[in-house]
Amino acid sequence: MRRKTRTSAWSADATRFATAAGLAILLTGCAATMGGGDAGCASYADARLARPPAETVDAVPPDWADWIADLDDRMTGTCR
């Protein structure tokens, strides 16, 4: 079993913080950049407004956080 050192624990914390910051940045712009008329984009913009605070990303496993960020990138890009 691999033990976490202070450096690896700090690195994991830094990665989670960076992921949280990235998600917060990504999650702020969909409603403003969404084109009018697409029901899917309107629904996605509404769902983004109801998202939990970015600080709660620390509780999400890194693989899920990466997947959420990728999904948000794709949806935001589609709705521009």
PDB file of N, CA and C in Angstrom:
ATOM      1  N   MET A   1       0.850  -1.170   0.000  1.00  0.00           N
ATOM      2  CA  MET A   1       0.000   0.000   0.000  1.00  0.00           C
ATOM      3  C   MET A   1       0.900   1.240   0.000  1.00  0.00           C
ATOM      4  N   ARG A   2       0.597   2.163  -0.832  1.00  0.00           N
ATOM      5  CA  ARG A   2       1.400   3.367  -0.975  1.00  0.00           C
ATOM      6  C   ARG A   2       0.980   4.409   0.053  1.00  0.00           C
ATOM      7  N   ARG A   3       1.974   4.972   0.737  1.00  0.00           N
ATOM      8  CA  ARG A   3       1.679   6.001   1.731  1.00  0.00           C
ATOM      9  C   ARG A   3       1.810   7.367   1.093  1.00  0.00           C
ATOM     10  N   LYS A   4       0.947   8.267   1.497  1.00  0.00           N
ATOM     11  CA  LYS A   4       1.022   9.649   1.023  1.00  0.00           C
ATOM     12  C   LYS A   4       2.078  10.400   1.814  1.00  0.00           C
ATOM     13  N   THR A   5       2.919  11.101   1.098  1.00  0.00           N
ATOM     14  CA  THR A   5       3.876  11.980   1.751  1.00  0.00           C
ATOM     15  C   THR A   5       3.275  13.368   1.817  1.00  0.00           C
ATOM     16  N   ARG A   6       3.918  14.268   2.509  1.00  0.00           N
ATOM     17  CA  ARG A   6       3.414  15.631   2.577  1.00  0.00           C
ATOM     18  C   ARG A   6       3.376  16.258   1.193  1.00  0.00           C
ATOM     19  N   THR A   7       4.395  15.946   0.376  1.00  0.00           N
ATOM     20  CA  THR A   7       4.455  16.520  -0.967  1.00  0.00           C
ATOM     21  C   THR A   7       3.310  16.005  -1.824  1.00  0.00           C
ATOM     22  N   SER A   8       3.057  14.692  -1.773  1.00  0.00           N
ATOM     23  CA  SER A   8       1.976  14.162  -2.608  1.00  0.00           C
ATOM     24  C   SER A   8       0.611  14.618  -2.107  1.00  0.00           C
ATOM     25  N   ALA A   9       0.458  14.766  -0.800  1.00  0.00           N
ATOM     26  CA  ALA A   9      -0.807  15.270  -0.262  1.00  0.00           C
ATOM     27  C   ALA A   9      -1.013  16.714  -0.676  1.00  0.00           C
ATOM     28  N   TRP A  10       0.058  17.528  -0.626  1.00  0.00           N
ATOM     29  CA  TRP A  10      -0.036  18.917  -1.071  1.00  0.00           C
ATOM     30  C   TRP A  10      -0.366  18.972  -2.547  1.00  0.00           C
ATOM     31  N   SER A  11       0.257  18.103  -3.340  1.00  0.00           N
ATOM     32  CA  SER A  11       0.009  18.078  -4.780  1.00  0.00           C
ATOM     33  C   SER A  11      -1.449  17.719  -5.068  1.00  0.00           C
ATOM     34  N   ALA A  12      -1.979  16.775  -4.321  1.00  0.00           N
ATOM     35  CA  ALA A  12      -3.384  16.396  -4.508  1.00  0.00           C
ATOM     36  C   ALA A  12      -4.300  17.559  -4.143  1.00  0.00           C
ATOM     37  N   ASP A  13      -3.978  18.256  -3.054  1.00  0.00           N
ATOM     38  CA  ASP A  13      -4.778  19.421  -2.665  1.00  0.00           C
ATOM     39  C   ASP A  13      -4.694  20.517  -3.720  1.00  0.00           C
ATOM     40  N   ALA A  14      -3.490  20.746  -4.251  1.00  0.00           N
ATOM     41  CA  ALA A  14      -3.314  21.770  -5.286  1.00  0.00           C
ATOM     42  C   ALA A  14      -4.087  21.402  -6.547  1.00  0.00           C
ATOM     43  N   THR A  15      -4.081  20.125  -6.895  1.00  0.00           N
ATOM     44  CA  THR A  15      -4.821  19.672  -8.078  1.00  0.00           C
ATOM     45  C   THR A  15      -6.316  19.871  -7.874  1.00  0.00           C
ATOM     46  N   ARG A  16      -6.813  19.527  -6.699  1.00  0.00           N
ATOM     47  CA  ARG A  16      -8.247  19.709  -6.423  1.00  0.00           C
ATOM     48  C   ARG A  16      -8.622  21.181  -6.456  1.00  0.00           C
ATOM     49  N   PHE A  17      -7.750  22.032  -5.891  1.00  0.00           N
ATOM     50  CA  PHE A  17      -8.023  23.464  -5.916  1.00  0.00           C
ATOM     51  C   PHE A  17      -8.048  23.976  -7.352  1.00  0.00           C
ATOM     52  N   ALA A  18      -7.085  23.538  -8.160  1.00  0.00           N
ATOM     53  CA  ALA A  18      -7.035  23.965  -9.560  1.00  0.00           C
ATOM     54  C   ALA A  18      -8.273  23.490 -10.309  1.00  0.00           C
ATOM     55  N   THR A  19      -8.697  22.268 -10.021  1.00  0.00           N
ATOM     56  CA  THR A  19      -9.905  21.740 -10.664  1.00  0.00           C
ATOM     57  C   THR A  19     -11.121  22.547 -10.240  1.00  0.00           C
ATOM     58  N   ALA A  20     -11.215  22.850  -8.951  1.00  0.00           N
ATOM     59  CA  ALA A  20     -12.344  23.646  -8.451  1.00  0.00           C
ATOM     60  C   ALA A  20     -12.352  25.025  -9.085  1.00  0.00           C
ATOM     61  N   ALA A  21     -11.171  25.636  -9.176  1.00  0.00           N
ATOM     62  CA  ALA A  21     -11.090  26.965  -9.780  1.00  0.00           C
ATOM     63  C   ALA A  21     -11.476  26.903 -11.253  1.00  0.00           C
ATOM     64  N   GLY A  22     -11.003  25.877 -11.943  1.00  0.00           N
ATOM     65  CA  GLY A  22     -11.356  25.715 -13.352  1.00  0.00           C
ATOM     66  C   GLY A  22     -12.843  25.512 -13.551  1.00  0.00           C
ATOM     67  N   LEU A  23     -13.433  24.688 -12.702  1.00  0.00           N
ATOM     68  CA  LEU A  23     -14.877  24.469 -12.797  1.00  0.00           C
ATOM     69  C   LEU A  23     -15.647  25.756 -12.521  1.00  0.00           C
ATOM     70  N   ALA A  24     -15.207  26.504 -11.526  1.00  0.00           N
ATOM     71  CA  ALA A  24     -15.896  27.757 -11.214  1.00  0.00           C
ATOM     72  C   ALA A  24     -15.839  28.710 -12.398  1.00  0.00           C
ATOM     73  N   ILE A  25     -14.683  28.786 -13.035  1.00  0.00           N
ATOM     74  CA  ILE A  25     -14.547  29.665 -14.202  1.00  0.00           C
ATOM     75  C   ILE A  25     -15.424  29.168 -15.345  1.00  0.00           C
ATOM     76  N   LEU A  26     -15.375  27.859 -15.581  1.00  0.00           N
ATOM     77  CA  LEU A  26     -16.164  27.298 -16.686  1.00  0.00           C
ATOM     78  C   LEU A  26     -17.662  27.434 -16.460  1.00  0.00           C
ATOM     79  N   LEU A  27     -18.073  27.314 -15.219  1.00  0.00           N
ATOM     80  CA  LEU A  27     -19.494  27.294 -14.916  1.00  0.00           C
ATOM     81  C   LEU A  27     -20.127  28.677 -14.847  1.00  0.00           C
ATOM     82  N   THR A  28     -19.363  29.733 -15.054  1.00  0.00           N
ATOM     83  CA  THR A  28     -19.924  31.064 -14.914  1.00  0.00           C
ATOM     84  C   THR A  28     -20.458  31.651 -16.214  1.00  0.00           C
ATOM     85  N   GLY A  29     -20.088  31.110 -17.372  1.00  0.00           N
ATOM     86  CA  GLY A  29     -20.384  31.805 -18.611  1.00  0.00           C
ATOM     87  C   GLY A  29     -21.460  31.261 -19.508  1.00  0.00           C
ATOM     88  N   CYS A  30     -22.043  30.120 -19.238  1.00  0.00           N
ATOM     89  CA  CYS A  30     -22.965  29.509 -20.202  1.00  0.00           C
ATOM     90  C   CYS A  30     -24.196  30.367 -20.455  1.00  0.00           C
ATOM     91  N   ALA A  31     -24.809  30.879 -19.427  1.00  0.00           N
ATOM     92  CA  ALA A  31     -26.037  31.647 -19.632  1.00  0.00           C
ATOM     93  C   ALA A  31     -25.779  32.888 -20.476  1.00  0.00           C
ATOM     94  N   ALA A  32     -24.628  33.510 -20.286  1.00  0.00           N
ATOM     95  CA  ALA A  32     -24.311  34.717 -21.044  1.00  0.00           C
ATOM     96  C   ALA A  32     -23.947  34.412 -22.494  1.00  0.00           C
ATOM     97  N   THR A  33     -23.377  33.235 -22.753  1.00  0.00           N
ATOM     98  CA  THR A  33     -22.913  32.923 -24.107  1.00  0.00           C
ATOM     99  C   THR A  33     -23.894  32.063 -24.886  1.00  0.00           C
ATOM    100  N   MET A  34     -24.974  31.631 -24.259  1.00  0.00           N
ATOM    101  CA  MET A  34     -25.920  30.730 -24.902  1.00  0.00           C
ATOM    102  C   MET A  34     -26.702  31.437 -26.012  1.00  0.00           C
ATOM    103  N   GLY A  35     -26.789  30.754 -27.130  1.00  0.00           N
ATOM    104  CA  GLY A  35     -27.611  31.288 -28.217  1.00  0.00           C
ATOM    105  C   GLY A  35     -29.088  31.107 -27.904  1.00  0.00           C
ATOM    106  N   GLY A  36     -29.920  31.982 -28.395  1.00  0.00           N
ATOM    107  CA  GLY A  36     -31.344  31.895 -28.114  1.00  0.00           C
ATOM    108  C   GLY A  36     -32.031  30.805 -28.910  1.00  0.00           C
ATOM    109  N   GLY A  37     -33.040  30.215 -28.338  1.00  0.00           N
ATOM    110  CA  GLY A  37     -33.896  29.317 -29.070  1.00  0.00           C
ATOM    111  C   GLY A  37     -33.646  27.842 -28.890  1.00  0.00           C
ATOM    112  N   ASP A  38     -32.489  27.407 -28.428  1.00  0.00           N
ATOM    113  CA  ASP A  38     -32.209  25.982 -28.278  1.00  0.00           C
ATOM    114  C   ASP A  38     -32.659  25.533 -26.894  1.00  0.00           C
ATOM    115  N   ALA A  39     -33.657  24.668 -26.854  1.00  0.00           N
ATOM    116  CA  ALA A  39     -34.209  24.228 -25.565  1.00  0.00           C
ATOM    117  C   ALA A  39     -33.166  23.485 -24.739  1.00  0.00           C
ATOM    118  N   GLY A  40     -32.306  22.689 -25.379  1.00  0.00           N
ATOM    119  CA  GLY A  40     -31.256  21.965 -24.654  1.00  0.00           C
ATOM    120  C   GLY A  40     -30.285  22.923 -23.992  1.00  0.00           C
ATOM    121  N   CYS A  41     -29.877  23.956 -24.713  1.00  0.00           N
ATOM    122  CA  CYS A  41     -28.953  24.940 -24.146  1.00  0.00           C
ATOM    123  C   CYS A  41     -29.624  25.741 -23.037  1.00  0.00           C
ATOM    124  N   ALA A  42     -30.879  26.073 -23.207  1.00  0.00           N
ATOM    125  CA  ALA A  42     -31.600  26.798 -22.163  1.00  0.00           C
ATOM    126  C   ALA A  42     -31.706  25.946 -20.902  1.00  0.00           C
ATOM    127  N   SER A  43     -31.986  24.664 -21.074  1.00  0.00           N
ATOM    128  CA  SER A  43     -32.081  23.756 -19.935  1.00  0.00           C
ATOM    129  C   SER A  43     -30.729  23.615 -19.245  1.00  0.00           C
ATOM    130  N   TYR A  44     -29.669  23.513 -20.034  1.00  0.00           N
ATOM    131  CA  TYR A  44     -28.332  23.396 -19.458  1.00  0.00           C
ATOM    132  C   TYR A  44     -27.959  24.670 -18.689  1.00  0.00           C
ATOM    133  N   ALA A  45     -28.284  25.822 -19.239  1.00  0.00           N
ATOM    134  CA  ALA A  45     -27.998  27.089 -18.557  1.00  0.00           C
ATOM    135  C   ALA A  45     -28.750  27.162 -17.226  1.00  0.00           C
ATOM    136  N   ASP A  46     -30.007  26.719 -17.206  1.00  0.00           N
ATOM    137  CA  ASP A  46     -30.776  26.695 -15.962  1.00  0.00           C
ATOM    138  C   ASP A  46     -30.146  25.756 -14.939  1.00  0.00           C
ATOM    139  N   ALA A  47     -29.701  24.584 -15.413  1.00  0.00           N
ATOM    140  CA  ALA A  47     -29.080  23.616 -14.508  1.00  0.00           C
ATOM    141  C   ALA A  47     -27.784  24.170 -13.921  1.00  0.00           C
ATOM    142  N   ARG A  48     -27.032  24.920 -14.706  1.00  0.00           N
ATOM    143  CA  ARG A  48     -25.785  25.497 -14.212  1.00  0.00           C
ATOM    144  C   ARG A  48     -26.041  26.521 -13.114  1.00  0.00           C
ATOM    145  N   LEU A  49     -27.154  27.235 -13.204  1.00  0.00           N
ATOM    146  CA  LEU A  49     -27.483  28.216 -12.179  1.00  0.00           C
ATOM    147  C   LEU A  49     -27.783  27.559 -10.832  1.00  0.00           C
ATOM    148  N   ALA A  50     -28.198  26.290 -10.861  1.00  0.00           N
ATOM    149  CA  ALA A  50     -28.543  25.566  -9.635  1.00  0.00           C
ATOM    150  C   ALA A  50     -27.375  24.721  -9.117  1.00  0.00           C
ATOM    151  N   ARG A  51     -26.198  24.896  -9.690  1.00  0.00           N
ATOM    152  CA  ARG A  51     -25.054  24.063  -9.289  1.00  0.00           C
ATOM    153  C   ARG A  51     -24.645  24.365  -7.850  1.00  0.00           C
ATOM    154  N   PRO A  52     -24.014  23.383  -7.198  1.00  0.00           N
ATOM    155  CA  PRO A  52     -23.504  23.626  -5.845  1.00  0.00           C
ATOM    156  C   PRO A  52     -22.296  24.560  -5.881  1.00  0.00           C
ATOM    157  N   PRO A  53     -21.926  25.122  -4.757  1.00  0.00           N
ATOM    158  CA  PRO A  53     -20.774  26.026  -4.715  1.00  0.00           C
ATOM    159  C   PRO A  53     -19.494  25.317  -5.168  1.00  0.00           C
ATOM    160  N   ALA A  54     -18.586  26.069  -5.775  1.00  0.00           N
ATOM    161  CA  ALA A  54     -17.337  25.501  -6.287  1.00  0.00           C
ATOM    162  C   ALA A  54     -16.506  24.858  -5.169  1.00  0.00           C
ATOM    163  N   GLU A  55     -16.635  25.342  -3.952  1.00  0.00           N
ATOM    164  CA  GLU A  55     -15.859  24.787  -2.840  1.00  0.00           C
ATOM    165  C   GLU A  55     -16.181  23.316  -2.595  1.00  0.00           C
ATOM    166  N   THR A  56     -17.360  22.866  -2.989  1.00  0.00           N
ATOM    167  CA  THR A  56     -17.743  21.478  -2.753  1.00  0.00           C
ATOM    168  C   THR A  56     -17.054  20.513  -3.710  1.00  0.00           C
ATOM    169  N   VAL A  57     -16.312  21.034  -4.682  1.00  0.00           N
ATOM    170  CA  VAL A  57     -15.601  20.157  -5.606  1.00  0.00           C
ATOM    171  C   VAL A  57     -14.553  19.333  -4.867  1.00  0.00           C
ATOM    172  N   ASP A  58     -14.057  19.826  -3.749  1.00  0.00           N
ATOM    173  CA  ASP A  58     -13.077  19.069  -2.972  1.00  0.00           C
ATOM    174  C   ASP A  58     -13.605  17.703  -2.560  1.00  0.00           C
ATOM    175  N   ALA A  59     -14.917  17.589  -2.414  1.00  0.00           N
ATOM    176  CA  ALA A  59     -15.515  16.329  -2.002  1.00  0.00           C
ATOM    177  C   ALA A  59     -15.713  15.367  -3.166  1.00  0.00           C
ATOM    178  N   VAL A  60     -15.495  15.826  -4.395  1.00  0.00           N
ATOM    179  CA  VAL A  60     -15.699  14.997  -5.586  1.00  0.00           C
ATOM    180  C   VAL A  60     -14.394  14.297  -5.939  1.00  0.00           C
ATOM    181  N   PRO A  61     -14.439  12.978  -6.212  1.00  0.00           N
ATOM    182  CA  PRO A  61     -13.216  12.289  -6.632  1.00  0.00           C
ATOM    183  C   PRO A  61     -12.641  12.938  -7.896  1.00  0.00           C
ATOM    184  N   PRO A  62     -11.315  12.968  -8.024  1.00  0.00           N
ATOM    185  CA  PRO A  62     -10.673  13.652  -9.151  1.00  0.00           C
ATOM    186  C   PRO A  62     -11.156  13.186 -10.530  1.00  0.00           C
ATOM    187  N   ASP A  63     -11.395  11.884 -10.691  1.00  0.00           N
ATOM    188  CA  ASP A  63     -11.873  11.396 -11.993  1.00  0.00           C
ATOM    189  C   ASP A  63     -13.238  11.984 -12.340  1.00  0.00           C
ATOM    190  N   TRP A  64     -14.111  12.098 -11.338  1.00  0.00           N
ATOM    191  CA  TRP A  64     -15.421  12.702 -11.574  1.00  0.00           C
ATOM    192  C   TRP A  64     -15.297  14.182 -11.869  1.00  0.00           C
ATOM    193  N   ALA A  65     -14.430  14.872 -11.137  1.00  0.00           N
ATOM    194  CA  ALA A  65     -14.231  16.305 -11.366  1.00  0.00           C
ATOM    195  C   ALA A  65     -13.728  16.549 -12.788  1.00  0.00           C
ATOM    196  N   ASP A  66     -12.810  15.705 -13.253  1.00  0.00           N
ATOM    197  CA  ASP A  66     -12.307  15.829 -14.628  1.00  0.00           C
ATOM    198  C   ASP A  66     -13.420  15.598 -15.639  1.00  0.00           C
ATOM    199  N   TRP A  67     -14.259  14.584 -15.387  1.00  0.00           N
ATOM    200  CA  TRP A  67     -15.352  14.269 -16.303  1.00  0.00           C
ATOM    201  C   TRP A  67     -16.370  15.409 -16.338  1.00  0.00           C
ATOM    202  N   ILE A  68     -16.681  15.974 -15.172  1.00  0.00           N
ATOM    203  CA  ILE A  68     -17.628  17.090 -15.103  1.00  0.00           C
ATOM    204  C   ILE A  68     -17.090  18.291 -15.867  1.00  0.00           C
ATOM    205  N   ALA A  69     -15.798  18.582 -15.680  1.00  0.00           N
ATOM    206  CA  ALA A  69     -15.193  19.713 -16.389  1.00  0.00           C
ATOM    207  C   ALA A  69     -15.214  19.490 -17.896  1.00  0.00           C
ATOM    208  N   ASP A  70     -14.936  18.256 -18.342  1.00  0.00           N
ATOM    209  CA  ASP A  70     -14.958  17.941 -19.771  1.00  0.00           C
ATOM    210  C   ASP A  70     -16.375  18.073 -20.333  1.00  0.00           C
ATOM    211  N   LEU A  71     -17.351  17.547 -19.611  1.00  0.00           N
ATOM    212  CA  LEU A  71     -18.743  17.652 -20.047  1.00  0.00           C
ATOM    213  C   LEU A  71     -19.171  19.114 -20.145  1.00  0.00           C
ATOM    214  N   ASP A  72     -18.799  19.911 -19.149  1.00  0.00           N
ATOM    215  CA  ASP A  72     -19.162  21.319 -19.164  1.00  0.00           C
ATOM    216  C   ASP A  72     -18.502  22.040 -20.341  1.00  0.00           C
ATOM    217  N   ASP A  73     -17.233  21.720 -20.610  1.00  0.00           N
ATOM    218  CA  ASP A  73     -16.554  22.316 -21.773  1.00  0.00           C
ATOM    219  C   ASP A  73     -17.320  22.017 -23.066  1.00  0.00           C
ATOM    220  N   ARG A  74     -17.718  20.774 -23.211  1.00  0.00           N
ATOM    221  CA  ARG A  74     -18.412  20.356 -24.435  1.00  0.00           C
ATOM    222  C   ARG A  74     -19.776  21.011 -24.554  1.00  0.00           C
ATOM    223  N   MET A  75     -20.521  21.040 -23.460  1.00  0.00           N
ATOM    224  CA  MET A  75     -21.857  21.644 -23.500  1.00  0.00           C
ATOM    225  C   MET A  75     -21.772  23.141 -23.723  1.00  0.00           C
ATOM    226  N   THR A  76     -20.832  23.796 -23.041  1.00  0.00           N
ATOM    227  CA  THR A  76     -20.686  25.232 -23.207  1.00  0.00           C
ATOM    228  C   THR A  76     -20.282  25.563 -24.634  1.00  0.00           C
ATOM    229  N   GLY A  77     -19.357  24.786 -25.195  1.00  0.00           N
ATOM    230  CA  GLY A  77     -18.935  24.995 -26.584  1.00  0.00           C
ATOM    231  C   GLY A  77     -20.063  24.788 -27.567  1.00  0.00           C
ATOM    232  N   THR A  78     -20.911  23.821 -27.306  1.00  0.00           N
ATOM    233  CA  THR A  78     -22.046  23.538 -28.181  1.00  0.00           C
ATOM    234  C   THR A  78     -23.075  24.671 -28.121  1.00  0.00           C
ATOM    235  N   CYS A  79     -23.254  25.252 -26.958  1.00  0.00           N
ATOM    236  CA  CYS A  79     -24.306  26.249 -26.765  1.00  0.00           C
ATOM    237  C   CYS A  79     -23.863  27.668 -27.097  1.00  0.00           C
ATOM    238  N   ARG A  80     -22.667  27.862 -27.556  1.00  0.00           N
ATOM    239  CA  ARG A  80     -22.213  29.227 -27.898  1.00  0.00           C
ATOM    240  C   ARG A  80     -22.699  29.631 -29.241  1.00  0.00           C
TER     241      ARG A  80
END
